[in-house]
Amino acid sequence: MKFIAEIDVMPLKALLDPQGRAVAGVLKNIGLAQLENVRVGKHITVEVDATDESHASKLVEDACKKLLANPIMESYHFVVNKAGGKDTQ
């Protein structure tokens, strides 16, 4: 079965986010000072071939732990959907 995983990787809240700080500075400079506490991360979409949704989630979890996120500096969250469907986990 095919699944689509949507993964968000973000810097840990306890750490400084220089990229977010830079974006916040530019927002202020262009008249959007109301937008504050900017955090910049990455969004990853991946197609997963797995026997079921639980297996797909396990594969995505492994990918996050081993490659996509650095647990010392980043947190991650993901949702697995059946390809073409709206089932989530």
N, C-alpha and C. Protein backbone atom coordinates (compact mmCIF):
# COMPACT_ATOMS: atom_id res chain seq x y z
N MET A 1 0.84 -1.19 0.00
CA MET A 1 0.00 0.00 0.00
C MET A 1 0.88 1.24 0.00
N LYS A 2 0.38 2.28 -0.60
CA LYS A 2 1.11 3.55 -0.63
C LYS A 2 0.52 4.51 0.39
N PHE A 3 1.42 5.20 1.09
CA PHE A 3 1.05 6.21 2.07
C PHE A 3 1.87 7.46 1.78
N ILE A 4 1.34 8.58 2.21
CA ILE A 4 2.06 9.86 2.12
C ILE A 4 2.30 10.34 3.55
N ALA A 5 3.56 10.64 3.85
CA ALA A 5 3.90 11.18 5.16
C ALA A 5 4.24 12.66 5.01
N GLU A 6 3.67 13.46 5.88
CA GLU A 6 3.96 14.89 5.96
C GLU A 6 4.72 15.09 7.27
N ILE A 7 5.96 15.53 7.18
CA ILE A 7 6.84 15.63 8.35
C ILE A 7 7.24 17.08 8.55
N ASP A 8 7.11 17.57 9.77
CA ASP A 8 7.58 18.90 10.14
C ASP A 8 8.71 18.76 11.14
N VAL A 9 9.84 19.39 10.84
CA VAL A 9 11.00 19.39 11.72
C VAL A 9 11.24 20.83 12.14
N MET A 10 11.30 21.06 13.45
CA MET A 10 11.46 22.42 13.96
C MET A 10 12.58 22.47 14.99
N PRO A 11 13.24 23.62 15.12
CA PRO A 11 14.23 23.77 16.19
C PRO A 11 13.53 23.66 17.54
N LEU A 12 14.22 23.07 18.50
CA LEU A 12 13.66 22.98 19.85
C LEU A 12 13.37 24.38 20.38
N LYS A 13 12.28 24.53 21.11
CA LYS A 13 11.87 25.85 21.61
C LYS A 13 12.91 26.46 22.54
N ALA A 14 13.67 25.63 23.24
CA ALA A 14 14.67 26.13 24.18
C ALA A 14 15.90 26.70 23.48
N LEU A 15 16.05 26.43 22.19
CA LEU A 15 17.24 26.89 21.46
C LEU A 15 16.94 28.15 20.66
N LEU A 16 17.98 28.95 20.47
CA LEU A 16 17.86 30.12 19.62
C LEU A 16 17.64 29.66 18.18
N ASP A 17 16.89 30.43 17.43
CA ASP A 17 16.64 30.14 16.02
C ASP A 17 17.10 31.34 15.21
N PRO A 18 18.38 31.37 14.79
CA PRO A 18 18.89 32.53 14.07
C PRO A 18 18.12 32.83 12.78
N GLN A 19 17.70 31.80 12.07
CA GLN A 19 16.96 32.02 10.83
C GLN A 19 15.60 32.65 11.14
N GLY A 20 14.94 32.17 12.18
CA GLY A 20 13.67 32.75 12.59
C GLY A 20 13.84 34.19 13.04
N ARG A 21 14.93 34.45 13.74
CA ARG A 21 15.20 35.81 14.20
C ARG A 21 15.42 36.76 13.02
N ALA A 22 16.13 36.28 12.00
CA ALA A 22 16.36 37.09 10.81
C ALA A 22 15.05 37.39 10.09
N VAL A 23 14.20 36.38 9.97
CA VAL A 23 12.90 36.59 9.32
C VAL A 23 12.06 37.58 10.12
N ALA A 24 12.07 37.46 11.44
CA ALA A 24 11.32 38.38 12.28
C ALA A 24 11.80 39.82 12.08
N GLY A 25 13.11 39.99 11.94
CA GLY A 25 13.67 41.32 11.70
C GLY A 25 13.20 41.91 10.38
N VAL A 26 13.17 41.10 9.35
CA VAL A 26 12.71 41.58 8.05
C VAL A 26 11.22 41.89 8.09
N LEU A 27 10.44 41.05 8.76
CA LEU A 27 9.00 41.32 8.89
C LEU A 27 8.77 42.68 9.54
N LYS A 28 9.55 42.97 10.58
CA LYS A 28 9.44 44.27 11.25
C LYS A 28 9.78 45.40 10.28
N ASN A 29 10.85 45.20 9.49
CA ASN A 29 11.29 46.23 8.54
C ASN A 29 10.28 46.49 7.43
N ILE A 30 9.46 45.51 7.10
CA ILE A 30 8.49 45.70 6.01
C ILE A 30 7.09 46.00 6.55
N GLY A 31 7.02 46.41 7.82
CA GLY A 31 5.77 46.87 8.39
C GLY A 31 4.88 45.77 8.95
N LEU A 32 5.45 44.60 9.24
CA LEU A 32 4.66 43.50 9.80
C LEU A 32 5.17 43.11 11.19
N ALA A 33 5.39 44.12 12.02
CA ALA A 33 5.93 43.89 13.36
C ALA A 33 4.98 43.10 14.25
N GLN A 34 3.71 42.98 13.85
CA GLN A 34 2.74 42.21 14.63
C GLN A 34 3.05 40.71 14.59
N LEU A 35 3.84 40.28 13.61
CA LEU A 35 4.22 38.86 13.51
C LEU A 35 5.50 38.66 14.32
N GLU A 36 5.39 37.90 15.39
CA GLU A 36 6.51 37.75 16.34
C GLU A 36 6.85 36.28 16.57
N ASN A 37 7.95 36.07 17.28
CA ASN A 37 8.39 34.73 17.68
C ASN A 37 8.42 33.76 16.50
N VAL A 38 9.08 34.18 15.44
CA VAL A 38 9.17 33.37 14.23
C VAL A 38 10.13 32.21 14.45
N ARG A 39 9.72 31.01 14.07
CA ARG A 39 10.57 29.82 14.10
C ARG A 39 10.58 29.25 12.68
N VAL A 40 11.74 28.96 12.16
CA VAL A 40 11.86 28.43 10.81
C VAL A 40 12.32 26.98 10.90
N GLY A 41 11.59 26.11 10.23
CA GLY A 41 11.94 24.70 10.20
C GLY A 41 11.86 24.18 8.78
N LYS A 42 11.61 22.88 8.67
CA LYS A 42 11.48 22.31 7.34
C LYS A 42 10.29 21.38 7.29
N HIS A 43 9.69 21.31 6.11
CA HIS A 43 8.55 20.44 5.86
C HIS A 43 8.98 19.43 4.81
N ILE A 44 8.79 18.16 5.11
CA ILE A 44 9.22 17.08 4.22
C ILE A 44 8.02 16.22 3.89
N THR A 45 7.84 15.92 2.62
CA THR A 45 6.80 15.00 2.18
C THR A 45 7.48 13.79 1.58
N VAL A 46 7.02 12.61 1.97
CA VAL A 46 7.64 11.39 1.46
C VAL A 46 6.55 10.35 1.18
N GLU A 47 6.72 9.61 0.11
CA GLU A 47 5.82 8.51 -0.21
C GLU A 47 6.38 7.24 0.44
N VAL A 48 5.51 6.48 1.08
CA VAL A 48 5.94 5.29 1.80
C VAL A 48 5.20 4.08 1.25
N ASP A 49 5.95 3.04 0.93
CA ASP A 49 5.37 1.77 0.51
C ASP A 49 5.42 0.85 1.72
N ALA A 50 4.27 0.51 2.29
CA ALA A 50 4.21 -0.29 3.51
C ALA A 50 2.99 -1.18 3.50
N THR A 51 3.01 -2.20 4.36
CA THR A 51 1.89 -3.15 4.42
C THR A 51 0.63 -2.53 5.01
N ASP A 52 0.80 -1.59 5.97
CA ASP A 52 -0.35 -0.92 6.59
C ASP A 52 0.12 0.40 7.19
N GLU A 53 -0.81 1.15 7.73
CA GLU A 53 -0.50 2.48 8.25
C GLU A 53 0.47 2.43 9.43
N SER A 54 0.33 1.44 10.26
CA SER A 54 1.22 1.28 11.41
C SER A 54 2.66 1.05 10.95
N HIS A 55 2.82 0.21 9.94
CA HIS A 55 4.15 -0.05 9.39
C HIS A 55 4.72 1.21 8.74
N ALA A 56 3.89 1.95 8.03
CA ALA A 56 4.32 3.21 7.40
C ALA A 56 4.80 4.20 8.47
N SER A 57 4.05 4.30 9.56
CA SER A 57 4.43 5.21 10.65
C SER A 57 5.76 4.81 11.27
N LYS A 58 5.97 3.52 11.42
CA LYS A 58 7.24 3.02 11.98
C LYS A 58 8.41 3.39 11.07
N LEU A 59 8.23 3.23 9.76
CA LEU A 59 9.28 3.58 8.81
C LEU A 59 9.59 5.08 8.86
N VAL A 60 8.55 5.90 8.92
CA VAL A 60 8.74 7.35 8.98
C VAL A 60 9.43 7.74 10.29
N GLU A 61 9.00 7.13 11.39
CA GLU A 61 9.64 7.39 12.70
C GLU A 61 11.13 7.08 12.63
N ASP A 62 11.48 5.94 12.05
CA ASP A 62 12.89 5.56 11.91
C ASP A 62 13.65 6.59 11.07
N ALA A 63 13.05 7.03 9.97
CA ALA A 63 13.70 8.03 9.11
C ALA A 63 13.94 9.33 9.86
N CYS A 64 12.96 9.74 10.65
CA CYS A 64 13.11 10.98 11.43
C CYS A 64 14.24 10.85 12.44
N LYS A 65 14.26 9.73 13.15
CA LYS A 65 15.27 9.53 14.20
C LYS A 65 16.67 9.38 13.63
N LYS A 66 16.79 8.71 12.49
CA LYS A 66 18.10 8.38 11.94
C LYS A 66 18.66 9.43 10.98
N LEU A 67 17.79 10.24 10.36
CA LEU A 67 18.28 11.14 9.33
C LEU A 67 17.64 12.52 9.30
N LEU A 68 16.34 12.58 9.35
CA LEU A 68 15.65 13.83 9.03
C LEU A 68 15.69 14.87 10.14
N ALA A 69 15.83 14.46 11.40
CA ALA A 69 15.86 15.40 12.52
C ALA A 69 17.05 15.10 13.43
N ASN A 70 17.64 16.14 13.94
CA ASN A 70 18.71 16.01 14.93
C ASN A 70 18.06 16.19 16.30
N PRO A 71 17.89 15.11 17.07
CA PRO A 71 17.15 15.20 18.34
C PRO A 71 17.80 16.12 19.38
N ILE A 72 19.04 16.46 19.20
CA ILE A 72 19.71 17.38 20.13
C ILE A 72 19.22 18.81 19.91
N MET A 73 18.87 19.12 18.65
CA MET A 73 18.50 20.50 18.32
C MET A 73 17.10 20.65 17.74
N GLU A 74 16.46 19.53 17.35
CA GLU A 74 15.19 19.64 16.63
C GLU A 74 14.14 18.66 17.18
N SER A 75 12.90 19.04 17.01
CA SER A 75 11.79 18.14 17.28
C SER A 75 11.10 17.87 15.95
N TYR A 76 10.30 16.81 15.91
CA TYR A 76 9.58 16.50 14.68
C TYR A 76 8.19 16.00 15.01
N HIS A 77 7.33 16.17 14.03
CA HIS A 77 5.95 15.68 14.11
C HIS A 77 5.58 15.24 12.71
N PHE A 78 4.86 14.13 12.61
CA PHE A 78 4.45 13.69 11.28
C PHE A 78 3.05 13.13 11.30
N VAL A 79 2.45 13.14 10.11
CA VAL A 79 1.13 12.56 9.87
C VAL A 79 1.27 11.64 8.66
N VAL A 80 0.70 10.45 8.78
CA VAL A 80 0.72 9.49 7.67
C VAL A 80 -0.70 9.35 7.14
N ASN A 81 -0.87 9.56 5.84
CA ASN A 81 -2.16 9.41 5.19
C ASN A 81 -2.06 8.34 4.12
N LYS A 82 -3.11 7.58 3.96
CA LYS A 82 -3.18 6.64 2.86
C LYS A 82 -3.16 7.47 1.58
N ALA A 83 -2.36 7.07 0.61
CA ALA A 83 -2.27 7.82 -0.64
C ALA A 83 -3.65 7.91 -1.26
N GLY A 84 -4.08 9.14 -1.54
CA GLY A 84 -5.39 9.36 -2.12
C GLY A 84 -6.51 9.41 -1.10
N GLY A 85 -6.21 9.23 0.19
CA GLY A 85 -7.23 9.23 1.23
C GLY A 85 -6.99 10.26 2.30
N LYS A 86 -7.85 10.26 3.31
CA LYS A 86 -7.75 11.24 4.39
C LYS A 86 -7.49 10.57 5.74
N ASP A 87 -7.14 9.29 5.79
CA ASP A 87 -6.86 8.63 7.06
C ASP A 87 -5.59 9.21 7.64
N THR A 88 -5.57 9.49 8.94
CA THR A 88 -4.39 10.06 9.58
C THR A 88 -4.00 9.22 10.78
N GLN A 89 -2.77 9.44 11.20
CA GLN A 89 -2.29 8.81 12.42
C GLN A 89 -1.56 9.83 13.24
